[in-house]
C-alpha cells in the first residue's frame, strides 16, 4: 500500500515543480523521505507549513527556502534526532497566543544548524525539548516595535540544550522559563528589547556571548546556580536599564565579563537569606553611568578583583541601603586617591565611598535627571567642603588594587 501512495506523492511533487504558479509543498518531500534518510533540496522556494514526524535530515544547501505563507509555525519538529541545515525559513503566522514561530521543537537530540530564519514572529521555540543543539543560525523577527515582536529563542520546560554561535537581531527577547541546565555559548544578541531573560531556570551557563545595543542585557529572576562568564555586554542605555539585573536568585557566579557604556552595569537586590549571595569576580566595568547598583537591606555578596574605570558613579544604593556589608576586596578603582608605599600592588588605605549630594538622586529617583549636571556638581563640592550633614559611608574595599 505504501508504494502506490509514494508514487502518487512523487507525481504530485513533479506536477507542482513543473507548474509555474505555486511553490511545491515541502510536506510532500518530507513524506517521500524514508526514516533515517536525507532530504537534499534543490535551490528554490517550498511552501509550508510542515510537520516532521520521522527521523530525517534536511539539507537546503544554503539555497532552499521554506515559506510558511503567513500561517502558523513554519516547521514543527516532532521526531527525535532530526537535523535541519542550510535553509531559509520565513513568513510565519502572526499570533502571539499560538506562538507562531519559524521552528517549533517538541523532540530531543535535534540539530538546527546554519539556517537563516527571518520575517517570523518567534524564531525558534523549544517546548519540553531536551539535549538539542541550536548552532550557527541567524534569526530576526519583524521590523515593528520591540514589544510587538516575538522571542528570537524561547525555551519552555526544556533542559540540557546547547545554544551556540547564533546571531539574534531585531527580536524581542531570548526567553528561558522553567528550563534548567542549558548552555548559551558564543551567541550575539543585538538591537532587541532584552538580551536574555531567565525565569525559574537554575543551573544555566551563559558564556562568551556578545550582548549589545539592546534595551537591557541579561535579566535573572528566581534562578539559582548560574554561571555568567566572559560575556561582552555593552551599550544598554535605556533609563534605569542594566547590563545584568538579578532578583531573588542565589549562588550566581558573575566572572570575567566586560560591561561597558551601560546606564547600569549590574543591578542586584541584596540577599534575603545569608546563603543567597552572588560572586562578582574579575569583571571590567567601564564608561557606565553606574557600575553597580544595590537595592534591599542586607549585604553578603562577594565582590573581588574587579576593575572599575571611567564610570560616572562606581556604586549606588537605594534609599537607606548600604553596600558596606558586602565582601569587597582586591578591586581596582580608578578614582582611588591613596598610595602604595611598600610596592605590594595594594593601596595602603582602604577605598571608601561616601554619599554627599549623591543622596539626592539615590533617595529621590526624579532627581536622577540632574545627575552629573553643573548644579549637582556644585552642590557636591559644597557638601565636601563643608558638610551640612554627616556623609553616609556605603562601601569599603580594604585591599584596593593599584593596577
Protein backbone atom coordinates (compact mmCIF):
# COMPACT_ATOMS: atom_id res chain seq x y z
CA UNK A 1 0.00 0.00 0.00
CA UNK A 2 2.89 2.36 0.70
CA UNK A 3 4.46 2.15 -2.76
CA UNK A 4 1.37 3.35 -4.72
CA UNK A 5 0.95 6.17 -2.19
CA UNK A 6 4.58 7.23 -2.55
CA UNK A 7 4.28 7.07 -6.34
CA UNK A 8 1.22 9.31 -6.23
CA UNK A 9 3.02 11.76 -4.00
CA UNK A 10 6.03 11.73 -6.32
CA UNK A 11 3.82 12.53 -9.31
CA UNK A 12 2.13 15.29 -7.30
CA UNK A 13 5.50 16.84 -6.41
CA UNK A 14 6.62 16.61 -10.05
CA UNK A 15 3.43 18.37 -11.14
CA UNK A 16 4.00 21.20 -8.66
CA UNK A 17 7.63 21.54 -9.66
CA UNK A 18 6.82 21.85 -13.36
CA UNK A 19 3.94 24.30 -12.95
CA UNK A 20 4.81 27.99 -12.82
CA UNK A 21 2.15 29.18 -10.37
CA UNK A 22 2.60 27.63 -6.91
CA UNK A 23 5.58 26.61 -4.84
CA UNK A 24 5.82 22.86 -4.20
CA UNK A 25 4.77 21.89 -0.65
CA UNK A 26 7.74 20.87 1.49
CA UNK A 27 5.46 18.44 3.32
CA UNK A 28 5.32 16.21 0.25
CA UNK A 29 9.11 15.98 0.06
CA UNK A 30 9.19 15.10 3.75
CA UNK A 31 6.61 12.36 3.17
CA UNK A 32 8.75 10.89 0.37
CA UNK A 33 11.85 10.74 2.58
CA UNK A 34 12.21 7.41 4.43
CA UNK A 35 13.02 7.08 8.12
CA UNK A 36 16.70 7.88 8.62
CA UNK A 37 17.00 9.33 5.10
CA UNK A 38 18.49 12.60 3.87
CA UNK A 39 16.37 15.14 2.01
CA UNK A 40 18.64 17.30 -0.16
CA UNK A 41 16.56 20.13 -1.53
CA UNK A 42 17.21 21.74 -4.88
CA UNK A 43 17.54 25.55 -4.85
CA UNK A 44 14.12 27.19 -4.82
CA UNK A 45 11.11 28.06 -2.70
CA UNK A 46 8.98 25.43 -0.99
CA UNK A 47 5.71 26.17 0.70
CA UNK A 48 4.86 25.37 4.32
CA UNK A 49 3.75 24.86 6.98
CA UNK A 50 5.29 21.44 7.58
CA UNK A 51 5.47 18.79 10.29
CA UNK A 52 8.49 16.48 10.63
CA UNK A 53 7.28 13.34 12.36
CA UNK A 54 10.11 10.94 11.49
CA UNK A 55 13.89 10.97 11.93
CA UNK A 56 15.30 12.57 8.79
CA UNK A 57 17.95 15.10 7.79
CA UNK A 58 17.03 18.11 5.64
CA UNK A 59 19.84 19.91 3.81
CA UNK A 60 18.97 23.09 1.94
CA UNK A 61 22.49 23.75 0.72
CA UNK A 62 22.07 27.41 1.63
CA UNK A 63 19.71 28.00 -1.33
CA UNK A 64 16.41 26.39 -0.36
CA UNK A 65 13.59 28.45 1.18
CA UNK A 66 10.64 27.20 3.21
CA UNK A 67 7.91 29.86 3.14
CA UNK A 68 5.18 29.47 5.75
CA UNK A 69 2.76 31.61 3.80
CA UNK A 70 1.91 33.68 6.87
CA UNK A 71 0.08 30.81 8.53
CA UNK A 72 1.05 29.30 11.91
CA UNK A 73 4.51 27.88 12.62
CA UNK A 74 6.59 27.23 9.51
CA UNK A 75 8.25 23.94 10.58
CA UNK A 76 7.22 21.77 13.52
CA UNK A 77 9.68 19.07 14.62
CA UNK A 78 8.01 16.17 16.49
CA UNK A 79 10.56 13.39 15.93
CA UNK A 80 13.85 12.83 17.76
CA UNK A 81 17.24 13.13 16.04
CA UNK A 82 16.05 15.33 13.18
CA UNK A 83 18.61 17.68 11.62
CA UNK A 84 17.99 20.82 9.55
CA UNK A 85 20.81 22.66 7.78
CA UNK A 86 21.30 25.35 5.18
CA UNK A 87 17.67 26.52 4.97
CA UNK A 88 16.00 29.86 4.87
CA UNK A 89 12.78 29.69 6.91
CA UNK A 90 10.46 32.65 6.56
CA UNK A 91 6.96 34.13 6.79
CA UNK A 92 5.34 32.57 9.86
CA UNK A 93 1.90 33.44 11.18
CA UNK A 94 1.27 36.47 13.36
CA UNK A 95 -0.32 35.03 16.52
CA UNK A 96 1.32 35.63 19.88
CA UNK A 97 -1.22 33.35 21.56
CA UNK A 98 -0.33 30.41 19.30
CA UNK A 99 3.39 31.29 19.41
CA UNK A 100 3.78 31.25 15.63
CA UNK A 101 7.46 30.54 15.05
CA UNK A 102 9.98 29.72 12.38
CA UNK A 103 10.73 26.37 14.04
CA UNK A 104 8.95 24.61 16.91
CA UNK A 105 10.87 21.71 18.51
CA UNK A 106 8.92 19.18 20.57
CA UNK A 107 11.57 16.47 20.43
CA UNK A 108 15.05 15.52 21.63
CA UNK A 109 18.53 15.29 20.07
CA UNK A 110 17.57 17.65 17.24
CA UNK A 111 20.21 19.64 15.35
CA UNK A 112 19.27 23.06 13.90
CA UNK A 113 22.38 24.43 12.21
CA UNK A 114 23.35 27.23 9.79
CA UNK A 115 19.83 28.33 8.94
CA UNK A 116 18.55 31.81 8.18
CA UNK A 117 15.23 32.47 9.95
CA UNK A 118 13.59 35.79 9.11
CA UNK A 119 10.20 37.52 8.84
CA UNK A 120 8.86 35.29 11.61
CA UNK A 121 7.06 36.33 14.78
CA UNK A 122 9.02 33.96 17.05
CA UNK A 123 12.31 32.46 15.91
CA UNK A 124 12.94 29.02 17.45
CA UNK A 125 10.65 27.63 20.15
CA UNK A 126 11.74 24.67 22.30
CA UNK A 127 8.81 23.10 24.12
CA UNK A 128 9.62 20.28 26.56
CA UNK A 129 12.67 19.56 24.44
CA UNK A 130 15.95 18.08 25.69
CA UNK A 131 19.55 17.60 24.50
CA UNK A 132 19.11 19.64 21.32
CA UNK A 133 21.77 21.70 19.53
CA UNK A 134 20.93 25.12 18.05
CA UNK A 135 24.09 26.31 16.31
CA UNK A 136 25.15 28.98 13.85
CA UNK A 137 21.68 30.27 12.92
CA UNK A 138 20.77 33.86 12.01
CA UNK A 139 17.41 34.90 13.42
CA UNK A 140 15.43 38.12 13.04
CA UNK A 141 11.81 38.93 13.77
CA UNK A 142 9.86 41.76 12.12
CA UNK A 143 10.53 45.50 11.71
CA UNK A 144 7.95 46.57 14.30
CA UNK A 145 8.13 47.93 17.83
CA UNK A 146 10.19 45.52 20.01
CA UNK A 147 7.21 44.77 22.26
CA UNK A 148 5.22 43.54 19.23
CA UNK A 149 7.86 41.05 18.12
CA UNK A 150 8.22 37.51 19.43
CA UNK A 151 11.21 35.96 21.15
CA UNK A 152 14.11 35.08 18.90
CA UNK A 153 14.56 31.97 21.03
CA UNK A 154 12.08 30.61 23.55
CA UNK A 155 12.75 27.70 25.94
CA UNK A 156 9.79 26.33 27.90
CA UNK A 157 10.37 23.39 30.27
CA UNK A 158 13.43 22.42 28.22
CA UNK A 159 16.83 21.41 29.57
CA UNK A 160 20.35 20.28 28.62
CA UNK A 161 20.26 22.13 25.29
CA UNK A 162 23.28 23.77 23.63
CA UNK A 163 22.64 27.20 22.10
CA UNK A 164 25.87 28.12 20.33
CA UNK A 165 27.22 30.77 17.92
CA UNK A 166 23.80 32.05 16.82
CA UNK A 167 23.11 35.63 15.78
CA UNK A 168 19.88 37.21 17.05
CA UNK A 169 18.96 40.67 15.84
CA UNK A 170 15.79 42.73 15.95
CA UNK A 171 13.85 40.25 18.09
CA UNK A 172 12.04 40.87 21.35
CA UNK A 173 13.98 38.72 23.85
CA UNK A 174 15.72 35.41 24.40
CA UNK A 175 13.31 33.93 26.95
CA UNK A 176 14.10 30.94 29.17
CA UNK A 177 11.46 29.81 31.65
CA UNK A 178 11.41 26.69 33.85
CA UNK A 179 14.37 25.42 31.81
CA UNK A 180 17.43 24.32 33.81
CA UNK A 181 20.95 23.29 32.78
CA UNK A 182 21.20 24.77 29.30
CA UNK A 183 24.37 26.22 27.78
CA UNK A 184 24.38 29.54 25.89
CA UNK A 185 27.82 29.87 24.32
CA UNK A 186 29.19 32.47 21.91
CA UNK A 187 25.90 33.96 20.72
CA UNK A 188 25.34 37.51 19.51
CA UNK A 189 22.18 39.36 20.63
CA UNK A 190 21.66 42.94 19.49
CA UNK A 191 19.06 45.59 18.67
CA UNK A 192 16.37 43.87 20.72
CA UNK A 193 14.36 44.64 23.85
CA UNK A 194 16.09 42.31 26.35
CA UNK A 195 19.12 40.21 25.54
CA UNK A 196 18.28 37.22 27.75
CA UNK A 197 15.61 36.66 30.39
CA UNK A 198 15.89 33.68 32.75
CA UNK A 199 12.90 32.91 34.98
CA UNK A 200 12.80 29.90 37.32
CA UNK A 201 15.70 28.43 35.34
CA UNK A 202 18.57 27.26 37.58
CA UNK A 203 21.89 25.80 36.53
CA UNK A 204 22.22 27.58 33.17
CA UNK A 205 25.61 28.64 31.82
CA UNK A 206 25.91 31.88 29.83
CA UNK A 207 29.45 32.21 28.48
CA UNK A 208 31.26 34.14 25.77
CA UNK A 209 28.19 35.92 24.37
CA UNK A 210 28.07 39.41 22.83
CA UNK A 211 25.02 41.30 24.07
CA UNK A 212 24.85 44.90 22.92
CA UNK A 213 22.60 47.74 21.78
CA UNK A 214 19.53 46.29 23.49
CA UNK A 215 17.19 47.95 25.96
CA UNK A 216 18.54 45.64 28.68
CA UNK A 217 21.11 42.88 28.81
CA UNK A 218 20.50 39.78 30.97
CA UNK A 219 17.60 39.64 33.43
CA UNK A 220 17.66 36.88 36.07
CA UNK A 221 14.61 36.17 38.25
CA UNK A 222 14.29 33.24 40.71
CA UNK A 223 17.12 31.33 39.01
CA UNK A 224 19.89 29.83 41.17
CA UNK A 225 23.32 28.35 40.48
CA UNK A 226 24.01 30.24 37.27
CA UNK A 227 27.38 30.86 35.63
CA UNK A 228 27.60 34.15 33.71
CA UNK A 229 31.15 34.32 32.45
CA UNK A 230 33.29 36.10 29.81
CA UNK A 231 30.42 37.93 28.12
CA UNK A 232 30.65 41.34 26.47
CA UNK A 233 27.66 43.48 27.47
CA UNK A 234 27.68 46.99 26.09
CA UNK A 235 25.57 49.98 25.03
CA UNK A 236 22.44 49.22 27.03
CA UNK A 237 21.40 52.82 27.53
CA UNK A 238 17.71 52.53 28.43
CA UNK A 239 16.95 54.64 31.50
CA UNK A 240 17.36 52.50 34.63
CA UNK A 241 18.10 49.52 32.38
CA UNK A 242 21.06 47.35 33.25
CA UNK A 243 23.52 45.07 31.52
CA UNK A 244 22.72 42.47 34.19
CA UNK A 245 19.72 42.54 36.56
CA UNK A 246 19.33 39.93 39.31
CA UNK A 247 16.43 39.35 41.69
CA UNK A 248 15.78 36.67 44.31
CA UNK A 249 18.44 34.31 42.96
CA UNK A 250 21.32 32.64 44.76
CA UNK A 251 24.80 31.31 44.09
CA UNK A 252 25.24 33.15 40.82
CA UNK A 253 28.82 33.41 39.56
CA UNK A 254 29.46 36.58 37.53
CA UNK A 255 33.04 36.37 36.32
CA UNK A 256 35.29 37.80 33.63
CA UNK A 257 32.60 39.90 31.92
CA UNK A 258 33.17 43.21 30.16
CA UNK A 259 30.42 45.70 30.97
CA UNK A 260 30.79 48.94 29.02
CA UNK A 261 28.71 52.01 28.14
CA UNK A 262 25.53 50.99 30.01
CA UNK A 263 23.14 53.00 32.15
CA UNK A 264 23.74 50.47 34.95
CA UNK A 265 26.30 47.68 34.91
CA UNK A 266 24.84 45.25 37.47
CA UNK A 267 21.59 45.84 39.34
CA UNK A 268 21.15 43.38 42.21
CA UNK A 269 19.00 43.01 45.28
CA UNK A 270 20.76 42.14 48.48
CA UNK A 271 20.15 38.54 49.56
CA UNK A 272 17.19 37.88 51.84
CA UNK A 273 18.98 34.86 53.31
CA UNK A 274 22.74 34.72 54.01
CA UNK A 275 23.29 31.88 51.55
CA UNK A 276 21.66 33.74 48.64
CA UNK A 277 24.78 35.55 47.51
CA UNK A 278 26.39 36.50 44.22
CA UNK A 279 30.06 36.08 43.35
CA UNK A 280 31.15 39.09 41.27
CA UNK A 281 34.77 38.47 40.26
CA UNK A 282 37.29 39.69 37.67
CA UNK A 283 34.83 41.80 35.68
CA UNK A 284 35.66 45.04 33.92
CA UNK A 285 33.21 47.94 34.34
CA UNK A 286 33.92 50.99 32.18
CA UNK A 287 32.05 54.08 30.93
CA UNK A 288 28.80 53.20 32.70
CA UNK A 289 26.55 55.73 34.42
CA UNK A 290 26.50 53.42 37.46
CA UNK A 291 28.75 50.36 37.62
CA UNK A 292 26.94 48.54 40.48
CA UNK A 293 23.53 49.32 41.92
CA UNK A 294 22.19 47.54 45.01
CA UNK A 295 18.71 47.62 46.48
CA UNK A 296 17.48 45.84 49.60
CA UNK A 297 18.53 45.83 53.23
CA UNK A 298 21.17 43.09 53.62
CA UNK A 299 24.70 42.51 52.37
CA UNK A 300 26.69 39.38 51.69
CA UNK A 301 27.77 39.40 48.02
CA UNK A 302 31.42 38.54 47.32
CA UNK A 303 32.94 41.25 45.09
CA UNK A 304 36.62 40.58 44.38
CA UNK A 305 39.26 41.50 41.77
CA UNK A 306 37.07 43.64 39.52
CA UNK A 307 38.21 46.73 37.65
CA UNK A 308 36.19 49.98 37.72
CA UNK A 309 37.26 52.65 35.22
CA UNK A 310 35.70 55.86 33.95
CA UNK A 311 32.25 55.21 35.40
CA UNK A 312 30.15 58.23 36.33
CA UNK A 313 29.38 56.52 39.65
CA UNK A 314 31.11 53.35 40.81
CA UNK A 315 28.45 52.16 43.27
CA UNK A 316 24.93 53.33 44.09
CA UNK A 317 22.34 52.14 46.58
CA UNK A 318 18.61 52.67 47.04
CA UNK A 319 17.18 54.61 49.97
CA UNK A 320 18.77 53.68 53.31
CA UNK A 321 20.53 50.64 51.82
CA UNK A 322 24.28 50.31 52.22
CA UNK A 323 26.76 48.17 50.30
CA UNK A 324 29.07 48.18 53.31
CA UNK A 325 28.19 44.61 54.34
CA UNK A 326 29.29 43.06 51.05
CA UNK A 327 32.71 41.40 50.89
CA UNK A 328 34.83 43.89 48.91
CA UNK A 329 38.46 43.01 48.27
CA UNK A 330 41.15 43.42 45.64
CA UNK A 331 39.19 45.62 43.25
CA UNK A 332 40.83 48.30 41.11
CA UNK A 333 39.21 51.75 41.38
CA UNK A 334 40.41 54.42 39.00
CA UNK A 335 39.37 57.18 41.44
CA UNK A 336 41.32 55.76 44.39
CA UNK A 337 43.46 58.53 45.88
CA UNK A 338 45.73 56.51 48.16
CA UNK A 339 49.33 55.32 47.84
CA UNK A 340 51.24 52.04 47.75
CA UNK A 341 54.39 52.86 49.72
CA UNK A 342 55.53 49.26 50.17
CA UNK A 343 55.04 48.40 46.47
CA UNK A 344 52.91 45.30 47.00
CA UNK A 345 50.30 46.41 44.48
CA UNK A 346 47.68 47.08 47.17
CA UNK A 347 46.71 50.51 48.44
CA UNK A 348 47.87 51.40 51.93
CA UNK A 349 44.48 52.81 52.87
CA UNK A 350 41.02 51.32 52.18
CA UNK A 351 38.98 52.60 49.27
CA UNK A 352 35.83 54.20 50.69
CA UNK A 353 32.73 55.70 49.10
CA UNK A 354 30.71 58.32 50.96
CA UNK A 355 27.46 59.83 49.79
CA UNK A 356 27.29 63.59 49.60
CA UNK A 357 24.97 65.19 47.06
CA UNK A 358 24.50 61.69 45.60
CA UNK A 359 21.96 61.04 48.32
CA UNK A 360 19.52 63.33 46.49
CA UNK A 361 19.21 61.32 43.29
CA UNK A 362 19.64 57.94 45.01
CA UNK A 363 16.85 58.68 47.51
CA UNK A 364 14.68 60.61 45.04
CA UNK A 365 14.54 58.89 41.62
CA UNK A 366 13.13 62.01 39.92
CA UNK A 367 16.35 63.85 40.77
CA UNK A 368 18.33 61.46 38.55
CA UNK A 369 17.58 63.78 35.65
CA UNK A 370 20.10 66.23 37.16
CA UNK A 371 22.78 63.60 37.79
CA UNK A 372 26.14 64.90 36.58
CA UNK A 373 24.78 68.41 35.94
CA UNK A 374 26.72 71.57 36.98
CA UNK A 375 24.17 72.21 39.73
CA UNK A 376 24.72 68.78 41.27
CA UNK A 377 28.50 69.10 40.89
CA UNK A 378 28.45 72.48 42.68
CA UNK A 379 26.27 71.07 45.46
CA UNK A 380 28.58 68.08 45.79
CA UNK A 381 31.59 70.41 46.05
CA UNK A 382 29.92 72.42 48.82
CA UNK A 383 28.93 69.25 50.69
CA UNK A 384 32.50 68.00 50.61
CA UNK A 385 33.92 71.41 51.54
CA UNK A 386 31.58 71.98 54.49
CA UNK A 387 29.23 69.08 55.03
CA UNK A 388 25.80 70.17 56.23
CA UNK A 389 25.16 66.61 57.40
CA UNK A 390 27.46 63.67 58.08
CA UNK A 391 28.21 61.79 54.84
CA UNK A 392 26.98 58.22 54.65
CA UNK A 393 29.63 55.51 54.15
CA UNK A 394 28.29 52.85 51.76
CA UNK A 395 31.42 50.97 50.68
CA UNK A 396 34.86 50.00 51.98
CA UNK A 397 37.38 47.91 49.99
CA UNK A 398 40.12 47.00 52.45
CA UNK A 399 42.60 45.90 49.74
CA UNK A 400 42.20 48.12 46.65
CA UNK A 401 44.45 47.11 43.77
CA UNK A 402 46.67 49.84 42.38
CA UNK A 403 46.81 48.33 38.88
